Amino acid sequence: MQIELRQIGSDRLLESIEVESLAEVPQPGRWLVIDQRSFLVLQRSHRYQLCNGSYELATVALQVKAQVQPRDALWWQNQWVIGNPDCHFNARSPLLRCAVFPDGPCTSCGHYRPRPDGP
């Protein structure tokens, strides 16, 4: 199956790769590493082709942003988050750590406050 990596915003083709199955294609919010380059997948779309009277999946286009996975990124509740997800200010996102100290790291932030709703 053909996978296209496209630059988010410009839709410029960065790379085209081949994978064995659809299960190997990353979902949005995951990092993808190809030849020492790291990308964050932001969107995923499927492109179909008419073949013998029926549509078949031809290509998966991934809208990506070149980004190295932060050291404090962790897998939390089936998604990647940057920093401490138990903090009230944490965005619980793979894109942004928090509103108070977005550049991090969380260990040196003096604004930690536990979430009232818990983890």
N, C-alpha and C. Protein backbone atom coordinates (compact mmCIF):
# COMPACT_ATOMS: atom_id res chain seq x y z
N MET A 1 0.84 -1.18 0.00
CA MET A 1 0.00 0.00 0.00
C MET A 1 0.88 1.24 0.00
N GLN A 2 0.48 2.21 -0.79
CA GLN A 2 1.24 3.45 -0.95
C GLN A 2 0.84 4.46 0.14
N ILE A 3 1.85 5.05 0.80
CA ILE A 3 1.65 6.07 1.82
C ILE A 3 2.36 7.34 1.36
N GLU A 4 1.63 8.44 1.36
CA GLU A 4 2.22 9.74 1.02
C GLU A 4 2.35 10.57 2.29
N LEU A 5 3.54 11.10 2.53
CA LEU A 5 3.75 12.06 3.62
C LEU A 5 3.70 13.45 3.00
N ARG A 6 2.76 14.26 3.46
CA ARG A 6 2.57 15.60 2.91
C ARG A 6 2.72 16.64 4.00
N GLN A 7 3.37 17.75 3.68
CA GLN A 7 3.58 18.85 4.62
C GLN A 7 2.24 19.49 4.95
N ILE A 8 1.92 19.59 6.23
CA ILE A 8 0.67 20.22 6.65
C ILE A 8 0.70 21.69 6.23
N GLY A 9 -0.40 22.17 5.73
CA GLY A 9 -0.50 23.56 5.28
C GLY A 9 -0.26 23.73 3.80
N SER A 10 0.83 23.21 3.29
CA SER A 10 1.16 23.39 1.87
C SER A 10 0.76 22.18 1.03
N ASP A 11 0.55 21.05 1.64
CA ASP A 11 0.22 19.79 0.96
C ASP A 11 1.35 19.32 0.02
N ARG A 12 2.56 19.82 0.26
CA ARG A 12 3.72 19.43 -0.55
C ARG A 12 4.11 17.99 -0.21
N LEU A 13 4.35 17.18 -1.23
CA LEU A 13 4.76 15.79 -1.04
C LEU A 13 6.19 15.75 -0.51
N LEU A 14 6.37 15.15 0.67
CA LEU A 14 7.69 15.04 1.29
C LEU A 14 8.33 13.70 0.99
N GLU A 15 7.51 12.67 1.01
CA GLU A 15 8.04 11.30 0.89
C GLU A 15 6.89 10.38 0.49
N SER A 16 7.23 9.35 -0.23
CA SER A 16 6.26 8.32 -0.59
C SER A 16 6.88 6.99 -0.18
N ILE A 17 6.15 6.22 0.63
CA ILE A 17 6.67 4.94 1.10
C ILE A 17 5.64 3.85 0.86
N GLU A 18 6.10 2.64 0.92
CA GLU A 18 5.26 1.47 0.72
C GLU A 18 5.21 0.69 2.03
N VAL A 19 4.00 0.28 2.44
CA VAL A 19 3.83 -0.55 3.64
C VAL A 19 3.03 -1.78 3.26
N GLU A 20 3.14 -2.80 4.10
CA GLU A 20 2.47 -4.08 3.83
C GLU A 20 0.96 -4.01 4.01
N SER A 21 0.51 -3.34 5.10
CA SER A 21 -0.93 -3.34 5.39
C SER A 21 -1.37 -2.00 5.96
N LEU A 22 -2.67 -1.78 5.96
CA LEU A 22 -3.25 -0.56 6.49
C LEU A 22 -2.99 -0.42 7.99
N ALA A 23 -2.81 -1.53 8.68
CA ALA A 23 -2.54 -1.51 10.12
C ALA A 23 -1.21 -0.85 10.45
N GLU A 24 -0.30 -0.78 9.50
CA GLU A 24 1.02 -0.17 9.72
C GLU A 24 1.01 1.35 9.55
N VAL A 25 -0.09 1.92 9.09
CA VAL A 25 -0.18 3.35 8.85
C VAL A 25 -0.55 4.05 10.16
N PRO A 26 0.28 5.00 10.63
CA PRO A 26 0.00 5.64 11.92
C PRO A 26 -1.23 6.54 11.88
N GLN A 27 -1.88 6.61 13.01
CA GLN A 27 -3.05 7.48 13.20
C GLN A 27 -2.57 8.88 13.58
N PRO A 28 -3.42 9.90 13.44
CA PRO A 28 -3.07 11.24 13.88
C PRO A 28 -2.72 11.26 15.37
N GLY A 29 -1.71 12.07 15.71
CA GLY A 29 -1.25 12.17 17.09
C GLY A 29 -0.10 11.22 17.39
N ARG A 30 0.39 10.50 16.40
CA ARG A 30 1.52 9.59 16.60
C ARG A 30 2.72 10.11 15.84
N TRP A 31 3.90 9.72 16.31
CA TRP A 31 5.13 10.09 15.62
C TRP A 31 5.53 8.97 14.68
N LEU A 32 6.15 9.37 13.58
CA LEU A 32 6.62 8.43 12.56
C LEU A 32 8.07 8.77 12.26
N VAL A 33 8.95 7.78 12.32
CA VAL A 33 10.37 8.00 12.05
C VAL A 33 10.74 7.26 10.78
N ILE A 34 11.31 8.01 9.81
CA ILE A 34 11.73 7.44 8.54
C ILE A 34 13.12 7.97 8.23
N ASP A 35 14.08 7.06 8.10
CA ASP A 35 15.46 7.43 7.74
C ASP A 35 16.00 8.58 8.61
N GLN A 36 15.94 8.44 9.91
CA GLN A 36 16.47 9.41 10.87
C GLN A 36 15.69 10.72 10.91
N ARG A 37 14.56 10.80 10.19
CA ARG A 37 13.71 11.99 10.24
C ARG A 37 12.44 11.63 11.00
N SER A 38 11.97 12.56 11.83
CA SER A 38 10.81 12.32 12.67
C SER A 38 9.68 13.26 12.27
N PHE A 39 8.47 12.72 12.20
CA PHE A 39 7.29 13.48 11.82
C PHE A 39 6.16 13.21 12.81
N LEU A 40 5.37 14.24 13.08
CA LEU A 40 4.15 14.08 13.86
C LEU A 40 3.00 14.03 12.87
N VAL A 41 2.19 12.98 12.93
CA VAL A 41 1.04 12.83 12.02
C VAL A 41 -0.11 13.66 12.57
N LEU A 42 -0.60 14.60 11.76
CA LEU A 42 -1.68 15.49 12.19
C LEU A 42 -3.03 15.10 11.57
N GLN A 43 -3.03 14.63 10.34
CA GLN A 43 -4.26 14.21 9.67
C GLN A 43 -3.97 12.99 8.81
N ARG A 44 -5.03 12.23 8.57
CA ARG A 44 -4.90 11.04 7.72
C ARG A 44 -6.12 11.00 6.81
N SER A 45 -5.89 10.82 5.52
CA SER A 45 -7.01 10.70 4.58
C SER A 45 -6.74 9.54 3.63
N HIS A 46 -7.82 8.94 3.17
CA HIS A 46 -7.73 7.79 2.26
C HIS A 46 -8.15 8.24 0.86
N ARG A 47 -7.44 7.73 -0.12
CA ARG A 47 -7.76 8.04 -1.52
C ARG A 47 -8.09 6.74 -2.22
N TYR A 48 -9.24 6.75 -2.87
CA TYR A 48 -9.74 5.55 -3.53
C TYR A 48 -9.65 5.68 -5.04
N GLN A 49 -9.63 4.51 -5.71
CA GLN A 49 -9.52 4.46 -7.16
C GLN A 49 -10.58 3.48 -7.67
N LEU A 50 -11.25 3.87 -8.75
CA LEU A 50 -12.25 3.00 -9.35
C LEU A 50 -11.54 1.93 -10.15
N CYS A 51 -11.81 0.68 -9.81
CA CYS A 51 -11.14 -0.44 -10.48
C CYS A 51 -12.17 -1.56 -10.69
N ASN A 52 -12.43 -1.89 -11.94
CA ASN A 52 -13.39 -2.94 -12.30
C ASN A 52 -14.77 -2.72 -11.68
N GLY A 53 -15.24 -1.49 -11.71
CA GLY A 53 -16.58 -1.18 -11.23
C GLY A 53 -16.72 -1.00 -9.73
N SER A 54 -15.64 -1.10 -8.97
CA SER A 54 -15.72 -0.87 -7.52
C SER A 54 -14.51 -0.04 -7.07
N TYR A 55 -14.70 0.64 -5.97
CA TYR A 55 -13.63 1.47 -5.44
C TYR A 55 -12.71 0.66 -4.53
N GLU A 56 -11.41 0.88 -4.72
CA GLU A 56 -10.39 0.23 -3.89
C GLU A 56 -9.49 1.30 -3.30
N LEU A 57 -9.02 1.04 -2.08
CA LEU A 57 -8.10 1.97 -1.43
C LEU A 57 -6.79 1.98 -2.20
N ALA A 58 -6.40 3.15 -2.69
CA ALA A 58 -5.19 3.26 -3.49
C ALA A 58 -4.03 3.86 -2.70
N THR A 59 -4.31 4.90 -1.93
CA THR A 59 -3.26 5.63 -1.23
C THR A 59 -3.79 6.17 0.10
N VAL A 60 -2.91 6.24 1.08
CA VAL A 60 -3.22 6.92 2.33
C VAL A 60 -2.31 8.15 2.38
N ALA A 61 -2.92 9.32 2.53
CA ALA A 61 -2.15 10.56 2.62
C ALA A 61 -2.09 11.00 4.08
N LEU A 62 -0.88 11.21 4.58
CA LEU A 62 -0.68 11.67 5.95
C LEU A 62 -0.20 13.11 5.91
N GLN A 63 -0.95 14.00 6.55
CA GLN A 63 -0.52 15.38 6.71
C GLN A 63 0.38 15.41 7.94
N VAL A 64 1.64 15.76 7.75
CA VAL A 64 2.62 15.66 8.83
C VAL A 64 3.34 16.98 9.06
N LYS A 65 3.95 17.06 10.24
CA LYS A 65 4.81 18.18 10.62
C LYS A 65 6.14 17.59 11.04
N ALA A 66 7.23 18.08 10.48
CA ALA A 66 8.55 17.61 10.88
C ALA A 66 8.78 18.01 12.33
N GLN A 67 8.92 17.03 13.20
CA GLN A 67 9.08 17.30 14.63
C GLN A 67 9.71 16.09 15.31
N VAL A 68 10.68 16.36 16.15
CA VAL A 68 11.29 15.31 16.94
C VAL A 68 10.39 15.06 18.14
N GLN A 69 10.18 13.80 18.47
CA GLN A 69 9.36 13.45 19.62
C GLN A 69 10.05 13.95 20.88
N PRO A 70 9.37 14.79 21.68
CA PRO A 70 10.00 15.31 22.91
C PRO A 70 10.36 14.18 23.88
N ARG A 71 11.40 14.41 24.66
CA ARG A 71 11.85 13.38 25.62
C ARG A 71 10.79 13.08 26.66
N ASP A 72 9.97 14.08 27.02
CA ASP A 72 8.97 13.84 28.05
C ASP A 72 7.59 13.48 27.49
N ALA A 73 7.56 13.05 26.21
CA ALA A 73 6.31 12.54 25.64
C ALA A 73 6.06 11.16 26.20
N LEU A 74 4.81 10.89 26.57
CA LEU A 74 4.49 9.57 27.10
C LEU A 74 3.13 9.11 26.60
N TRP A 75 2.98 7.80 26.53
CA TRP A 75 1.74 7.18 26.10
C TRP A 75 0.80 7.16 27.29
N TRP A 76 -0.34 7.85 27.15
CA TRP A 76 -1.26 8.02 28.27
C TRP A 76 -2.69 7.93 27.75
N GLN A 77 -3.47 7.01 28.27
CA GLN A 77 -4.86 6.80 27.89
C GLN A 77 -5.05 6.75 26.37
N ASN A 78 -4.29 5.88 25.73
CA ASN A 78 -4.36 5.62 24.28
C ASN A 78 -4.01 6.82 23.41
N GLN A 79 -3.17 7.70 23.92
CA GLN A 79 -2.70 8.82 23.10
C GLN A 79 -1.36 9.31 23.64
N TRP A 80 -0.62 10.03 22.80
CA TRP A 80 0.63 10.64 23.23
C TRP A 80 0.33 11.98 23.87
N VAL A 81 0.99 12.29 24.96
CA VAL A 81 0.92 13.61 25.59
C VAL A 81 2.35 14.04 25.92
N ILE A 82 2.55 15.35 25.94
CA ILE A 82 3.84 15.90 26.30
C ILE A 82 3.75 16.41 27.73
N GLY A 83 4.67 16.02 28.58
CA GLY A 83 4.70 16.49 29.95
C GLY A 83 3.88 15.64 30.90
N ASN A 84 3.47 16.26 32.01
CA ASN A 84 2.76 15.56 33.07
C ASN A 84 1.24 15.73 32.90
N PRO A 85 0.52 14.68 32.47
CA PRO A 85 -0.92 14.82 32.24
C PRO A 85 -1.73 15.00 33.52
N ASP A 86 -1.12 14.79 34.68
CA ASP A 86 -1.84 14.98 35.95
C ASP A 86 -1.86 16.45 36.39
N CYS A 87 -1.12 17.31 35.70
CA CYS A 87 -1.09 18.73 36.05
C CYS A 87 -2.31 19.45 35.48
N HIS A 88 -2.84 20.37 36.24
CA HIS A 88 -4.03 21.14 35.84
C HIS A 88 -3.79 21.91 34.53
N PHE A 89 -2.58 22.36 34.29
CA PHE A 89 -2.28 23.18 33.12
C PHE A 89 -1.85 22.38 31.89
N ASN A 90 -1.64 21.08 32.03
CA ASN A 90 -1.20 20.27 30.90
C ASN A 90 -2.29 20.19 29.85
N ALA A 91 -1.91 20.33 28.58
CA ALA A 91 -2.87 20.31 27.47
C ALA A 91 -3.31 18.90 27.10
N ARG A 92 -2.59 17.87 27.60
CA ARG A 92 -2.87 16.48 27.25
C ARG A 92 -2.93 16.31 25.74
N SER A 93 -1.86 16.78 25.11
CA SER A 93 -1.78 16.82 23.65
C SER A 93 -0.37 16.46 23.20
N PRO A 94 -0.23 15.88 21.99
CA PRO A 94 1.10 15.65 21.45
C PRO A 94 1.68 16.91 20.80
N LEU A 95 0.90 17.98 20.72
CA LEU A 95 1.34 19.21 20.08
C LEU A 95 1.83 20.28 21.06
N LEU A 96 1.21 20.34 22.23
CA LEU A 96 1.48 21.40 23.18
C LEU A 96 1.57 20.83 24.59
N ARG A 97 2.58 21.24 25.34
CA ARG A 97 2.77 20.75 26.71
C ARG A 97 1.76 21.39 27.64
N CYS A 98 1.78 22.73 27.77
CA CYS A 98 0.84 23.43 28.65
C CYS A 98 0.80 24.91 28.29
N ALA A 99 -0.13 25.63 28.92
CA ALA A 99 -0.27 27.06 28.67
C ALA A 99 0.73 27.89 29.46
N VAL A 100 1.13 27.40 30.64
CA VAL A 100 1.99 28.17 31.53
C VAL A 100 3.46 28.08 31.15
N PHE A 101 3.92 26.89 30.83
CA PHE A 101 5.34 26.64 30.56
C PHE A 101 5.46 25.73 29.33
N PRO A 102 5.06 26.23 28.14
CA PRO A 102 4.98 25.38 26.95
C PRO A 102 6.30 24.78 26.48
N ASP A 103 7.41 25.43 26.78
CA ASP A 103 8.71 24.90 26.35
C ASP A 103 9.25 23.84 27.29
N GLY A 104 8.68 23.76 28.51
CA GLY A 104 9.05 22.73 29.47
C GLY A 104 10.49 22.82 29.91
N PRO A 105 10.98 21.82 30.56
CA PRO A 105 10.28 20.59 30.95
C PRO A 105 9.43 20.80 32.20
N CYS A 106 8.51 19.88 32.42
CA CYS A 106 7.60 19.96 33.57
C CYS A 106 8.34 19.87 34.90
N THR A 107 9.47 19.18 34.93
CA THR A 107 10.20 18.99 36.19
C THR A 107 10.73 20.30 36.76
N SER A 108 10.96 21.30 35.90
CA SER A 108 11.48 22.58 36.40
C SER A 108 10.39 23.66 36.48
N CYS A 109 9.14 23.29 36.35
CA CYS A 109 8.04 24.25 36.40
C CYS A 109 7.51 24.37 37.83
N GLY A 110 7.37 25.58 38.32
CA GLY A 110 6.87 25.81 39.67
C GLY A 110 5.37 25.99 39.75
N HIS A 111 4.67 25.82 38.63
CA HIS A 111 3.23 26.05 38.59
C HIS A 111 2.40 24.77 38.68
N TYR A 112 3.03 23.65 39.01
CA TYR A 112 2.28 22.38 39.05
C TYR A 112 1.11 22.47 40.01
N ARG A 113 -0.03 22.03 39.54
CA ARG A 113 -1.23 21.94 40.38
C ARG A 113 -2.01 20.72 39.89
N PRO A 114 -2.35 19.79 40.81
CA PRO A 114 -3.06 18.59 40.38
C PRO A 114 -4.45 18.94 39.81
N ARG A 115 -4.88 18.15 38.85
CA ARG A 115 -6.20 18.34 38.27
C ARG A 115 -7.28 18.00 39.29
N PRO A 116 -8.34 18.80 39.34
CA PRO A 116 -9.40 18.49 40.28
C PRO A 116 -10.16 17.21 39.91
N ASP A 117 -10.20 16.89 38.61
CA ASP A 117 -10.91 15.69 38.16
C ASP A 117 -10.05 14.43 38.22
N GLY A 118 -8.78 14.57 38.55
CA GLY A 118 -7.86 13.42 38.59
C GLY A 118 -7.39 13.06 37.20
N PRO A 119 -6.63 11.96 37.06
CA PRO A 119 -6.08 11.58 35.77
C PRO A 119 -7.10 11.14 34.77
